[in-house]
Amino acid sequence: MPDIVEIGFRERLLINIWRLSKKYKVSLVTSFLGLLVFIIGFSTPHWAVLDGKQKTVSVGLWEICFDGYCDYLGIVGGWLAVTRTLECIGFIFILKALIVSLVYVCVPRFDTPGILYTQAGLHFVAALLVLVGDIIFGVYKAQDGYVISWSLVLTILMIILEITSGILVVLHSR
């Protein structure tokens, strides 16, 4: 009678990762990169810059800096509050997409097309929310003479990465 070999969690995880298509593996990488660049862009005060003759002003969602001295913007209303809200909800959707992807990879019984379409939808919704927030911020700051800076560009890069990730998940599901 042959011996039955039990495999542990690590071995099952490696088997599950091995069975994934290259498209899905790339979608995992783009999703994690999207999260990383979003966290950097979201938290830094260089969304828009105004270069004056004597001083430079940079503004983010949470801080404003005058020639290197930064101060917290505090609780605000109007368009900035809407932008903050959209960006925060977009961040939550990115995290949800990553959690769903981890469940898909680690738990074989969730290997269904439905969970893949849910994950892709979360990527697309996150990208859409952040896009709308970026547009609102850019429009209002452009009216004041500001130009977009690298923090906002990082959130735009996240949008591209999340859309790419969502498309790759859909392609993997077919």
Protein backbone atom coordinates (compact mmCIF):
# COMPACT_ATOMS: atom_id res chain seq x y z
CA MET A 1 0.00 0.00 0.00
CA PRO A 2 1.58 3.34 -1.03
CA ASP A 3 2.28 5.93 1.60
CA ILE A 4 0.02 8.95 1.55
CA VAL A 5 2.02 12.14 1.63
CA GLU A 6 0.41 15.13 3.20
CA ILE A 7 1.37 18.47 1.82
CA GLY A 8 1.39 21.57 3.95
CA PHE A 9 0.08 25.06 3.36
CA ARG A 10 3.32 26.26 1.80
CA GLU A 11 3.35 23.46 -0.75
CA ARG A 12 -0.32 23.98 -1.61
CA LEU A 13 0.31 27.71 -2.00
CA LEU A 14 3.21 27.06 -4.36
CA ILE A 15 1.04 24.69 -6.39
CA ASN A 16 -1.70 27.31 -6.56
CA ILE A 17 0.75 29.99 -7.66
CA TRP A 18 2.27 27.62 -10.25
CA ARG A 19 -1.15 27.01 -11.85
CA LEU A 20 -1.79 30.74 -12.42
CA SER A 21 -1.38 32.14 -15.90
CA LYS A 22 1.35 34.64 -16.69
CA LYS A 23 -1.37 37.24 -17.20
CA TYR A 24 -2.62 36.80 -13.64
CA LYS A 25 0.89 36.87 -12.20
CA VAL A 26 1.58 40.12 -14.06
CA SER A 27 -1.74 41.50 -12.78
CA LEU A 28 -0.61 40.77 -9.21
CA VAL A 29 2.64 42.65 -9.81
CA THR A 30 0.92 45.64 -11.43
CA SER A 31 -1.64 45.75 -8.64
CA PHE A 32 1.02 45.79 -5.91
CA LEU A 33 3.01 48.42 -7.82
CA GLY A 34 -0.17 50.46 -8.20
CA LEU A 35 -0.72 50.31 -4.46
CA LEU A 36 2.86 51.35 -3.75
CA VAL A 37 2.90 54.35 -6.09
CA PHE A 38 -0.55 55.39 -4.89
CA ILE A 39 0.53 55.41 -1.23
CA ILE A 40 3.53 57.57 -2.10
CA GLY A 41 1.53 59.99 -4.25
CA PHE A 42 -1.47 60.09 -1.91
CA SER A 43 0.57 60.96 1.16
CA THR A 44 3.02 63.53 -0.21
CA PRO A 45 2.39 67.30 -0.51
CA HIS A 46 3.46 67.74 -4.12
CA TRP A 47 0.23 67.37 -6.08
CA ALA A 48 0.44 70.90 -7.45
CA VAL A 49 3.18 73.52 -7.45
CA LEU A 50 3.08 77.28 -7.81
CA ASP A 51 6.45 78.87 -8.55
CA GLY A 52 6.51 82.48 -7.55
CA LYS A 53 9.32 84.96 -8.00
CA GLN A 54 10.30 84.77 -4.35
CA LYS A 55 8.72 81.58 -3.01
CA THR A 56 7.53 78.16 -4.07
CA VAL A 57 4.24 76.72 -2.88
CA SER A 58 3.39 73.03 -3.14
CA VAL A 59 0.03 71.57 -2.21
CA GLY A 60 -1.14 68.05 -1.52
CA LEU A 61 -4.34 66.56 -0.17
CA TRP A 62 -3.21 66.94 3.43
CA GLU A 63 -0.44 69.57 3.52
CA ILE A 64 0.66 72.84 2.00
CA CYS A 65 4.33 73.81 1.86
CA PHE A 66 5.90 77.26 1.53
CA ASP A 67 9.61 77.13 0.66
CA GLY A 68 10.11 73.89 2.57
CA TYR A 69 7.93 74.71 5.59
CA CYS A 70 4.85 72.47 5.60
CA ASP A 71 1.60 72.79 7.48
CA TYR A 72 -1.40 70.49 7.79
CA LEU A 73 -4.42 71.68 5.80
CA GLY A 74 -6.89 70.51 8.42
CA ILE A 75 -10.53 69.77 7.92
CA VAL A 76 -11.81 71.44 4.79
CA GLY A 77 -15.02 71.37 2.83
CA GLY A 78 -15.91 71.70 -0.80
CA TRP A 79 -13.88 70.29 -3.65
CA LEU A 80 -10.88 69.30 -1.54
CA ALA A 81 -13.06 67.23 0.79
CA VAL A 82 -14.62 65.52 -2.23
CA THR A 83 -11.16 64.81 -3.67
CA ARG A 84 -9.93 63.39 -0.37
CA THR A 85 -13.03 61.22 -0.08
CA LEU A 86 -12.73 59.83 -3.61
CA GLU A 87 -9.02 59.11 -3.18
CA CYS A 88 -9.60 57.36 0.18
CA ILE A 89 -12.43 55.22 -1.20
CA GLY A 90 -10.26 54.40 -4.23
CA PHE A 91 -7.51 53.28 -1.84
CA ILE A 92 -10.00 51.02 -0.04
CA PHE A 93 -11.01 49.47 -3.36
CA ILE A 94 -7.35 48.79 -4.22
CA LEU A 95 -6.96 47.00 -0.90
CA LYS A 96 -10.15 45.02 -1.49
CA ALA A 97 -8.90 43.93 -4.92
CA LEU A 98 -5.64 42.74 -3.38
CA ILE A 99 -7.47 40.84 -0.64
CA VAL A 100 -9.69 39.14 -3.23
CA SER A 101 -6.59 38.21 -5.25
CA LEU A 102 -4.95 36.70 -2.17
CA VAL A 103 -8.10 34.69 -1.44
CA TYR A 104 -8.17 33.51 -5.07
CA VAL A 105 -4.53 32.41 -4.92
CA CYS A 106 -4.59 30.84 -1.44
CA VAL A 107 -8.01 29.14 -1.33
CA PRO A 108 -8.62 26.72 -4.23
CA ARG A 109 -12.39 26.54 -3.72
CA PHE A 110 -12.60 30.22 -4.71
CA ASP A 111 -11.17 29.40 -8.14
CA THR A 112 -14.28 30.63 -9.94
CA PRO A 113 -14.87 33.14 -12.73
CA GLY A 114 -17.11 35.14 -10.40
CA ILE A 115 -14.32 36.00 -8.00
CA LEU A 116 -12.11 37.02 -10.93
CA TYR A 117 -14.77 39.37 -12.30
CA THR A 118 -15.25 40.78 -8.81
CA GLN A 119 -11.53 41.41 -8.56
CA ALA A 120 -11.40 43.05 -11.99
CA GLY A 121 -14.38 45.22 -11.08
CA LEU A 122 -12.64 46.35 -7.90
CA HIS A 123 -9.56 47.35 -9.93
CA PHE A 124 -11.69 49.32 -12.39
CA VAL A 125 -13.74 51.07 -9.69
CA ALA A 126 -10.57 52.02 -7.79
CA ALA A 127 -9.09 53.50 -10.96
CA LEU A 128 -12.31 55.40 -11.74
CA LEU A 129 -12.61 56.89 -8.25
CA VAL A 130 -9.01 58.05 -8.21
CA LEU A 131 -9.36 59.42 -11.76
CA VAL A 132 -12.36 61.54 -10.78
CA GLY A 133 -10.54 62.76 -7.65
CA ASP A 134 -7.46 63.64 -9.70
CA ILE A 135 -9.54 65.54 -12.26
CA ILE A 136 -11.32 67.55 -9.56
CA PHE A 137 -8.02 68.45 -7.88
CA GLY A 138 -6.32 69.32 -11.17
CA VAL A 139 -9.17 71.51 -12.39
CA TYR A 140 -9.45 73.53 -9.20
CA LYS A 141 -5.71 74.00 -8.79
CA ALA A 142 -5.24 74.91 -12.47
CA GLN A 143 -7.75 77.73 -11.96
CA ASP A 144 -5.43 79.13 -9.28
CA GLY A 145 -2.38 78.99 -11.56
CA TYR A 146 -0.84 75.81 -10.16
CA VAL A 147 0.70 73.10 -12.31
CA ILE A 148 0.48 69.40 -11.48
CA SER A 149 3.49 67.85 -9.84
CA TRP A 150 4.95 64.41 -9.25
CA SER A 151 2.60 63.27 -6.46
CA LEU A 152 -0.43 63.66 -8.70
CA VAL A 153 1.47 61.99 -11.54
CA LEU A 154 2.05 58.97 -9.28
CA THR A 155 -1.69 58.65 -8.66
CA ILE A 156 -2.25 58.84 -12.42
CA LEU A 157 0.33 56.06 -12.84
CA MET A 158 -1.68 54.04 -10.32
CA ILE A 159 -4.78 54.47 -12.48
CA ILE A 160 -2.91 53.03 -15.46
CA LEU A 161 -1.55 50.13 -13.39
CA GLU A 162 -4.98 49.30 -11.91
CA ILE A 163 -6.69 49.35 -15.31
CA THR A 164 -3.93 47.12 -16.66
CA SER A 165 -4.36 44.78 -13.71
CA GLY A 166 -8.13 44.61 -14.20
CA ILE A 167 -7.77 43.84 -17.92
CA LEU A 168 -5.24 41.10 -17.20
CA VAL A 169 -7.55 39.52 -14.61
CA VAL A 170 -10.39 39.48 -17.15
CA LEU A 171 -8.10 37.90 -19.75
CA HIS A 172 -6.98 35.31 -17.20
CA SER A 173 -10.59 34.35 -16.49
CA ARG A 174 -11.21 33.32 -20.13
